[in-house]
Protein backbone atom coordinates (compact mmCIF):
# COMPACT_ATOMS: atom_id res chain seq x y z
CA MET A 1 0.00 0.00 0.00
CA THR A 2 1.45 3.39 -1.04
CA GLY A 3 1.46 6.58 1.01
CA VAL A 4 -1.44 7.98 -1.04
CA ASP A 5 -3.49 4.84 -0.38
CA ARG A 6 -2.81 5.08 3.36
CA MET A 7 -3.97 8.69 3.44
CA ALA A 8 -7.11 7.80 1.49
CA VAL A 9 -7.95 4.99 3.92
CA ALA A 10 -7.25 7.17 6.98
CA PHE A 11 -9.41 10.00 5.70
CA SER A 12 -12.23 7.55 4.91
CA ARG A 13 -12.07 6.21 8.47
CA LEU A 14 -12.48 9.75 9.80
CA LEU A 15 -15.52 10.29 7.59
CA ARG A 16 -17.07 7.03 8.83
CA ALA A 17 -16.43 8.11 12.41
CA GLN A 18 -18.37 11.29 11.66
CA GLY A 19 -21.36 9.27 10.45
CA LEU A 20 -20.87 9.24 6.67
CA ASP A 21 -21.60 6.07 4.71
CA VAL A 22 -18.36 5.41 2.80
CA PRO A 23 -18.31 2.02 1.02
CA VAL A 24 -15.06 0.29 0.10
CA GLY A 25 -15.64 1.04 -3.58
CA CYS A 26 -15.70 4.78 -2.86
CA VAL A 27 -12.41 4.52 -0.95
CA THR A 28 -10.82 2.72 -3.90
CA ALA A 29 -12.08 5.40 -6.29
CA PHE A 30 -10.75 8.15 -3.99
CA ALA A 31 -7.31 6.53 -3.86
CA ALA A 32 -7.26 6.25 -7.67
CA ALA A 33 -8.30 9.91 -7.98
CA LEU A 34 -5.52 11.01 -5.62
CA GLY A 35 -3.06 9.01 -7.68
CA ALA A 36 -4.20 10.86 -10.79
CA VAL A 37 -4.36 14.46 -9.46
CA GLY A 38 -1.73 14.22 -6.73
CA VAL A 39 -1.79 15.68 -3.23
CA GLN A 40 0.12 18.91 -3.86
CA ARG A 41 -2.90 21.15 -4.50
CA ARG A 42 -5.54 21.47 -1.81
CA SER A 43 -8.38 22.09 -4.29
CA SER A 44 -7.55 18.94 -6.25
CA VAL A 45 -7.63 16.79 -3.12
CA TYR A 46 -10.85 18.43 -1.95
CA TRP A 47 -12.75 17.87 -5.19
CA ALA A 48 -11.35 14.35 -5.63
CA GLY A 49 -12.75 13.41 -2.23
CA ARG A 50 -16.03 15.24 -2.68
CA ALA A 51 -16.64 13.57 -6.04
CA THR A 52 -15.93 10.05 -4.77
CA LEU A 53 -16.79 10.02 -1.05
CA VAL A 54 -19.86 12.29 -0.71
CA ARG A 55 -23.01 10.51 -1.81
CA ARG A 56 -25.70 12.83 -0.42
CA PRO A 57 -25.97 16.65 -0.47
CA GLU A 58 -26.67 16.75 3.28
CA ASP A 59 -23.24 15.15 3.93
CA ARG A 60 -21.29 18.09 2.48
CA PRO A 61 -20.97 20.11 5.75
CA THR A 62 -19.64 17.04 7.56
CA TYR A 63 -17.21 16.39 4.71
CA ASP A 64 -15.96 19.99 4.80
CA ARG A 65 -15.31 19.90 8.55
CA SER A 66 -13.56 16.52 8.28
CA PHE A 67 -11.45 17.74 5.33
CA GLU A 68 -10.23 20.79 7.23
CA ALA A 69 -9.42 18.69 10.29
CA PHE A 70 -7.53 15.96 8.39
CA TRP A 71 -5.78 17.80 5.58
CA LEU A 72 -5.34 21.27 7.14
CA GLY A 73 -4.84 20.30 10.79
CA ARG A 74 -7.68 22.41 12.11
CA PRO A 75 -9.67 21.27 15.18
CA LEU A 76 -12.74 19.21 14.42
CA ILE A 77 -15.72 21.23 15.67
CA GLU A 78 -18.92 19.29 16.23
CA PRO A 79 -22.04 21.18 15.09
CA GLN A 80 -24.32 22.34 17.87
CA PRO A 81 -27.98 21.34 17.56
CA PRO A 82 -30.34 24.32 17.28
CA ALA A 83 -31.86 25.40 20.54
CA GLY A 84 -35.59 24.88 20.71
CA PRO A 85 -38.38 24.66 23.20
CA ALA A 86 -38.00 21.91 25.72
CA GLY A 87 -40.19 18.98 24.83
CA PRO A 88 -42.01 16.63 27.16
CA PRO A 89 -39.94 14.15 29.14
CA LEU A 90 -39.37 10.75 27.59
CA ALA A 91 -40.45 7.51 29.22
CA ALA A 92 -39.11 4.21 27.88
CA ALA A 93 -41.01 0.96 28.34
CA VAL A 94 -40.38 -2.65 27.34
CA ASP A 95 -43.22 -4.95 26.38
CA SER A 96 -43.18 -8.48 27.78
CA PRO A 97 -45.66 -11.23 26.95
CA ALA A 98 -46.47 -11.78 30.63
CA GLY A 99 -46.83 -8.19 31.69
CA ASP A 100 -48.63 -6.37 28.90
CA ALA A 101 -51.69 -5.58 30.98
CA ALA A 102 -49.63 -4.33 33.91
CA ALA A 103 -47.46 -2.22 31.63
CA GLU A 104 -50.50 -0.60 30.04
CA SER A 105 -51.99 0.13 33.47
CA ASP A 106 -48.75 1.70 34.71
CA GLY A 107 -48.51 3.74 31.54
CA ARG A 108 -51.98 5.20 32.07
CA GLU A 109 -51.17 6.16 35.64
CA ASP A 110 -47.89 7.82 34.62
CA HIS A 111 -49.64 9.69 31.85
CA GLU A 112 -52.16 11.08 34.32
CA GLU A 113 -49.37 12.28 36.62
CA HIS A 114 -46.90 13.56 33.97
CA ASP A 115 -47.39 14.77 30.44
CA ALA A 116 -44.61 12.51 29.08
CA LEU A 117 -43.82 11.09 25.67
CA SER A 118 -43.71 7.29 25.98
CA LEU A 119 -41.41 5.16 23.83
CA ARG A 120 -42.26 1.46 23.89
CA TYR A 121 -40.08 -1.42 22.73
CA SER A 122 -41.79 -4.61 21.58
CA ALA A 123 -39.70 -7.74 21.01
CA SER A 124 -42.44 -9.31 18.88
CA GLU A 125 -42.51 -6.32 16.50
CA VAL A 126 -38.73 -6.44 16.12
CA LEU A 127 -38.94 -10.18 15.46
CA ARG A 128 -41.50 -9.71 12.68
CA ASP A 129 -39.01 -7.85 10.51
CA LYS A 130 -35.91 -9.88 11.39
CA ASP A 131 -34.48 -12.20 8.76
CA PHE A 132 -34.97 -15.92 9.51
CA ALA A 133 -31.29 -16.52 8.77
CA ALA A 134 -30.33 -14.31 11.76
CA TYR A 135 -32.68 -16.03 14.24
CA THR A 136 -31.44 -17.67 17.41
CA HIS A 137 -33.02 -20.85 18.81
CA ALA A 138 -34.99 -18.81 21.34
CA GLU A 139 -36.25 -16.46 18.62
CA PHE A 140 -37.30 -19.43 16.49
CA ALA A 141 -39.34 -20.76 19.42
CA GLN A 142 -41.05 -17.39 19.82
CA ALA A 143 -41.64 -17.12 16.07
CA HIS A 144 -43.23 -20.58 16.06
CA ARG A 145 -45.73 -19.41 18.68
CA MET A 146 -46.48 -16.30 16.63
CA MET A 147 -47.01 -18.37 13.46
CA ALA A 148 -49.67 -20.44 15.21
CA GLY A 149 -52.11 -17.58 14.69
CA LEU A 150 -51.62 -17.41 10.92
CA ARG A 151 -54.66 -18.39 8.87
CA LEU A 152 -54.33 -19.11 5.17
CA THR A 153 -57.20 -18.51 2.74
CA GLY A 154 -57.08 -19.00 -1.00
CA ASP A 155 -58.88 -17.09 -3.71
CA LEU A 156 -62.61 -17.68 -3.98
CA ARG A 157 -63.95 -19.76 -6.82
CA ARG A 158 -67.48 -20.40 -8.05
CA SER A 159 -69.01 -23.53 -6.54
CA ARG A 160 -71.64 -25.88 -7.95
CA ARG A 161 -73.77 -25.36 -4.88
CA TRP A 162 -76.46 -22.69 -4.77
CA ARG A 163 -77.41 -20.31 -1.95
CA PRO A 164 -80.57 -18.26 -1.30
CA ALA A 165 -80.35 -14.74 -2.68
CA THR A 166 -82.44 -11.61 -3.18
CA ARG A 167 -81.79 -11.67 -6.93
CA GLY A 168 -80.33 -14.01 -9.49
CA ALA A 169 -81.83 -17.22 -10.89
CA SER A 170 -85.33 -18.39 -10.02
CA ASP A 171 -85.46 -21.04 -7.26
CA LEU A 172 -88.44 -23.17 -8.29
CA ARG A 173 -88.20 -25.59 -5.35
CA ARG A 174 -88.34 -22.89 -2.68
CA THR A 175 -91.03 -21.02 -4.64
CA VAL A 176 -93.29 -24.11 -4.84
CA ARG A 177 -92.57 -25.03 -1.20
CA ALA A 178 -93.64 -21.57 -0.08
CA ALA A 179 -96.74 -21.71 -2.29
CA LEU A 180 -97.96 -24.91 -0.56
CA ALA A 181 -98.32 -22.94 2.67
CA ASN A 182 -100.64 -20.46 0.87
CA GLY A 183 -103.06 -22.86 -0.81
CA GLY A 184 -100.91 -23.29 -3.90
CA GLU A 185 -100.69 -19.59 -4.68
CA PRO A 186 -97.10 -18.46 -5.49
CA ILE A 187 -97.27 -15.18 -3.59
CA ARG A 188 -93.53 -14.78 -3.19
CA ARG A 189 -90.89 -15.81 -5.65
CA ALA A 190 -87.60 -17.26 -4.38
CA TRP A 191 -84.22 -16.62 -5.93
CA ARG A 192 -80.86 -18.33 -5.79
CA ALA A 193 -77.24 -17.59 -6.76
CA PRO A 194 -74.13 -19.74 -7.06
CA SER A 195 -72.05 -19.90 -3.89
CA GLU A 196 -68.29 -19.47 -3.62
CA ARG A 197 -65.62 -21.48 -1.84
CA PRO A 198 -61.89 -20.98 -1.29
CA ARG A 199 -59.54 -22.44 -3.83
CA ARG A 200 -57.12 -25.19 -2.87
CA VAL A 201 -53.63 -24.00 -1.93
CA VAL A 202 -50.59 -26.14 -2.83
CA LEU A 203 -47.29 -25.34 -1.09
CA LEU A 204 -44.01 -26.64 -2.56
CA CYS A 205 -41.10 -25.97 -0.18
CA ASP A 206 -37.45 -26.26 -1.21
CA VAL A 207 -35.49 -28.10 1.54
CA SER A 208 -32.07 -28.11 -0.14
CA GLY A 209 -28.83 -26.99 1.49
CA SER A 210 -29.04 -23.44 0.14
CA MET A 211 -32.45 -23.00 1.81
CA GLU A 212 -31.35 -24.35 5.20
CA PRO A 213 -31.33 -20.91 6.97
CA TYR A 214 -35.01 -20.46 5.99
CA ALA A 215 -36.31 -24.04 5.90
CA ARG A 216 -37.38 -24.14 9.58
CA GLY A 217 -39.44 -20.99 9.27
CA MET A 218 -40.93 -22.14 5.96
CA LEU A 219 -41.94 -25.56 7.34
CA ARG A 220 -43.54 -23.92 10.38
CA PHE A 221 -45.50 -21.76 7.95
CA LEU A 222 -46.58 -24.91 6.07
CA HIS A 223 -47.70 -26.50 9.34
CA ALA A 224 -49.78 -23.45 10.31
CA ALA A 225 -51.36 -23.44 6.85
CA VAL A 226 -52.27 -27.14 6.86
CA VAL A 227 -53.63 -27.11 10.43
CA GLY A 228 -55.50 -23.83 9.93
CA ARG A 229 -57.50 -25.00 6.92
CA GLY A 230 -57.23 -28.78 7.18
CA PRO A 231 -55.77 -31.44 4.85
CA GLY A 232 -57.30 -31.39 1.38
CA ARG A 233 -57.71 -27.63 1.30
CA VAL A 234 -53.96 -27.10 1.75
CA GLU A 235 -51.44 -29.57 0.34
CA ALA A 236 -47.78 -29.41 1.38
CA PHE A 237 -44.74 -30.91 -0.38
CA ALA A 238 -40.98 -30.84 0.17
CA VAL A 239 -38.74 -30.57 -2.90
CA GLY A 240 -35.05 -31.43 -2.87
CA THR A 241 -33.52 -34.15 -4.98
CA ARG A 242 -36.97 -35.79 -4.84
CA LEU A 243 -40.56 -34.90 -4.07
CA THR A 244 -42.07 -35.73 -0.65
CA ARG A 245 -45.70 -35.18 0.28
CA LEU A 246 -45.94 -33.80 3.84
CA THR A 247 -49.66 -33.04 4.23
CA ARG A 248 -50.34 -36.01 6.52
CA GLU A 249 -47.25 -35.37 8.69
CA LEU A 250 -48.02 -31.66 9.08
CA ALA A 251 -51.67 -32.28 9.98
CA TRP A 252 -50.73 -32.95 13.63
CA ARG A 253 -51.80 -30.16 15.97
CA ASP A 254 -48.61 -30.31 18.01
CA PRO A 255 -46.05 -28.32 15.97
CA ASP A 256 -43.03 -30.11 17.44
CA GLU A 257 -44.49 -33.53 16.64
CA ALA A 258 -45.54 -32.39 13.18
CA LEU A 259 -42.10 -31.01 12.32
CA ALA A 260 -40.41 -34.12 13.72
CA ARG A 261 -42.58 -36.37 11.55
CA ALA A 262 -41.88 -34.17 8.53
CA GLY A 263 -38.14 -34.37 9.21
CA ARG A 264 -38.29 -38.16 9.31
CA ALA A 265 -40.27 -38.28 6.08
CA VAL A 266 -37.81 -36.13 4.12
CA ASN A 267 -34.76 -38.22 3.26
CA ASP A 268 -32.93 -35.54 1.25
CA TRP A 269 -32.97 -32.76 3.84
CA SER A 270 -30.26 -30.10 3.17
CA GLY A 271 -29.12 -31.95 0.08
CA GLY A 272 -29.06 -30.92 -3.55
CA THR A 273 -31.80 -29.21 -5.53
CA ARG A 274 -33.53 -30.62 -8.59
CA LEU A 275 -36.58 -28.41 -8.94
CA GLY A 276 -37.22 -29.47 -12.52
CA SER A 277 -37.47 -33.19 -11.74
CA GLY A 278 -39.42 -32.48 -8.54
CA LEU A 279 -41.98 -30.38 -10.41
CA ARG A 280 -42.22 -33.02 -13.13
CA GLU A 281 -43.07 -35.65 -10.52
CA PHE A 282 -45.61 -33.32 -8.92
CA ASN A 283 -47.25 -32.55 -12.27
CA ASP A 284 -47.38 -36.19 -13.32
CA ARG A 285 -48.61 -37.67 -10.01
CA TYR A 286 -50.67 -34.86 -8.49
CA GLY A 287 -50.88 -31.52 -10.26
CA VAL A 288 -52.14 -32.17 -13.77
CA ARG A 289 -54.38 -34.98 -12.52
CA GLY A 290 -56.42 -32.54 -10.47
CA MET A 291 -54.64 -31.25 -7.37
CA ALA A 292 -53.29 -28.11 -9.05
CA ARG A 293 -56.24 -27.47 -11.36
CA GLY A 294 -57.75 -24.14 -10.39
CA ALA A 295 -55.53 -24.00 -7.29
CA VAL A 296 -53.12 -21.38 -5.97
CA VAL A 297 -49.66 -22.97 -6.18
CA VAL A 298 -46.91 -21.47 -4.03
CA VAL A 299 -43.24 -22.39 -4.61
CA LEU A 300 -40.94 -21.48 -1.71
CA SER A 301 -37.39 -21.62 -3.05
CA ASP A 302 -34.30 -19.50 -3.67
CA GLY A 303 -34.14 -20.73 -7.27
CA TRP A 304 -30.73 -22.42 -7.01
CA ASP A 305 -31.14 -25.56 -9.12
CA ARG A 306 -28.63 -28.21 -10.17
CA GLY A 307 -30.91 -29.61 -12.82
CA ASP A 308 -31.60 -28.59 -16.40
CA PRO A 309 -33.09 -25.04 -16.61
CA GLU A 310 -35.05 -26.00 -19.72
CA GLU A 311 -36.70 -28.85 -17.82
CA LEU A 312 -37.65 -26.46 -15.00
CA ALA A 313 -39.07 -23.95 -17.48
CA GLY A 314 -41.13 -26.65 -19.20
CA GLU A 315 -42.58 -28.00 -15.96
CA MET A 316 -43.37 -24.49 -14.72
CA ALA A 317 -45.22 -23.88 -17.99
CA ARG A 318 -47.26 -27.07 -17.46
CA LEU A 319 -48.05 -26.04 -13.91
CA HIS A 320 -49.03 -22.52 -14.94
CA ARG A 321 -51.48 -23.82 -17.54
CA VAL A 322 -53.58 -25.75 -15.00
CA ALA A 323 -53.20 -23.59 -11.86
CA HIS A 324 -55.23 -20.49 -11.11
CA ARG A 325 -52.13 -18.58 -10.00
CA VAL A 326 -48.48 -19.47 -9.40
CA ILE A 327 -46.63 -17.57 -6.67
CA TRP A 328 -42.88 -17.85 -6.16
CA VAL A 329 -41.49 -16.99 -2.71
CA ASN A 330 -37.75 -16.29 -2.66
CA PRO A 331 -36.22 -15.22 0.70
CA LEU A 332 -33.13 -13.86 -1.09
CA LYS A 333 -35.25 -11.26 -2.88
CA SER A 334 -35.08 -9.05 0.23
CA ALA A 335 -31.31 -8.52 -0.16
CA PRO A 336 -30.34 -5.07 -1.53
CA GLY A 337 -29.45 -5.22 -5.19
CA TYR A 338 -30.88 -8.71 -5.67
CA ALA A 339 -31.34 -9.83 -9.26
CA PRO A 340 -32.73 -13.24 -10.39
CA LEU A 341 -29.49 -14.32 -12.05
CA ALA A 342 -29.60 -17.98 -10.98
CA GLN A 343 -30.43 -20.23 -13.94
CA GLY A 344 -33.34 -21.89 -12.18
CA MET A 345 -34.87 -18.61 -11.05
CA ALA A 346 -34.46 -17.01 -14.47
CA ALA A 347 -36.07 -20.05 -16.14
CA ALA A 348 -39.07 -20.06 -13.79
CA LEU A 349 -39.91 -16.34 -13.66
CA PRO A 350 -41.71 -16.12 -17.04
CA HIS A 351 -44.27 -18.62 -15.72
CA VAL A 352 -44.84 -16.94 -12.32
CA ASP A 353 -47.75 -14.61 -11.57
CA ARG A 354 -46.31 -13.09 -8.38
CA PHE A 355 -42.68 -12.99 -7.24
CA VAL A 356 -42.44 -12.10 -3.54
CA THR A 357 -40.03 -12.40 -0.64
CA GLY A 358 -40.42 -14.65 2.41
CA HIS A 359 -37.45 -13.91 4.66
CA SER A 360 -39.36 -12.79 7.79
CA LEU A 361 -42.62 -13.12 9.69
CA ARG A 362 -43.97 -9.91 8.20
CA ALA A 363 -43.11 -11.15 4.71
CA LEU A 364 -45.08 -14.35 5.37
CA GLU A 365 -48.03 -12.30 6.64
CA ASP A 366 -47.92 -10.35 3.38
CA LEU A 367 -47.72 -13.66 1.51
CA ILE A 368 -51.02 -14.72 3.10
CA CYS A 369 -52.64 -11.60 1.62
CA VAL A 370 -51.17 -12.39 -1.80
CA ILE A 371 -52.44 -15.99 -1.65
CA GLY A 372 -55.88 -14.74 -0.65
CA GLY A 373 -56.02 -12.47 -3.69
CA ILE A 374 -55.43 -9.20 -1.86
CA GLY A 375 -53.16 -7.10 -4.02
CA ALA A 376 -52.98 -9.80 -6.70
CA PRO A 377 -53.02 -8.73 -10.35
C-alpha cells in the first residue's frame, strides 16, 4: 500500500467516524483519484474526495469539517444542535408477553401524573421484521408461537352449490314449497345464486442446502397453513432431490411432533436441488391430474437448481397452464441489489404470476394476503 493509499484509507475512516456512509468502492475510487491528481494542490484533493466520497448533499458540511481537520490540521468542531423549546420528558417501556396488561396500566397512571412522551419497545414487533437466517433458537421458538395464529385462505372460486339470494336465478323448489303454505298460490318468488368457496392451496417448499437458513421458518408456515385449513384444502410438499408429500405429517396439531414427523419423512434434507425433476413428478402424479387445477400454487425456493433449466421452465409452464395462479417466494429477494441471475430462477420467472419475498414473519403475513387475492393482479 502506497502513502497515497494510506492517506485515502485514513481520511475515509475519519468520515465514517463522523457518520458518513463510505463504502469500500468509494475509498478505492478516492485513492485512484488522488493518484491521478496528486496531493500537492488542496483544491484537487478536496474535489477528488467530494466527487468520490460524498453521496448525499446533506453530507457536504460534515465532509468539509472533516477535510479541514484531516488535511489542514484544524480542530474538528462538532455542530451544535439548534436550541428549541423543551419537549415533554421521555419515558421508555419494554413490552413483555407476561406483563402487557400491567405495563398498560402503569402507563396510564404515569400519563395522568406527567405529560410525558412514551417510547415502547416490543420484542415481537422487532422479530417480525428480522431475517430468519439471523434467528437464534430462542427467537425461532417465539416465532413458532407467533405463526400459530396465521390463517391461510385461498382465492374464492365459483361452486356448484347454490345459496338463497335476493336476486339471481329463479329457485323453483323454494317457490313451490312456499306456495304450498298459501293454498298453492305463489305469492312470493324465491331466488338463488351460485355460492363461492376458497380455492385449494398447494405449497411446494425447497429443503435443499441453500435454503437451510429459511427451511425451519418455511416448514412452520406450512404447518400453520395445513392445520389452519385442514388437509385437502392445503397440500404441502418438500422438494429437494426428490418430491415428498408432507400433508399427513403436518396435519398434527402439536407443531413439534408435526415437524419431527416431517423431518423423518424427508430423506434428502439439506441436500441438492432438482426443482425441474421435482416439479415433473408433482405434475405427473398430483398436479395435472387434479390437485393443481384451479388451485393457488406457491413455490418457496431460492431458485438455485442443479438440474436442467429447460426442464424447470417446461414444468413451470405445465403447472401454470392448470393452476389459477403461481406464486414464487424467494427469501433472497429481500437482499439489496438482488437480481434473479440464478439459472433456475431465471427459467421459472416467465411462468410466475407473483414474485415475492419470504425472509421474515412480516413477509409471510404479506404472503397470506397475496395468496388470498389481496393485491394480486
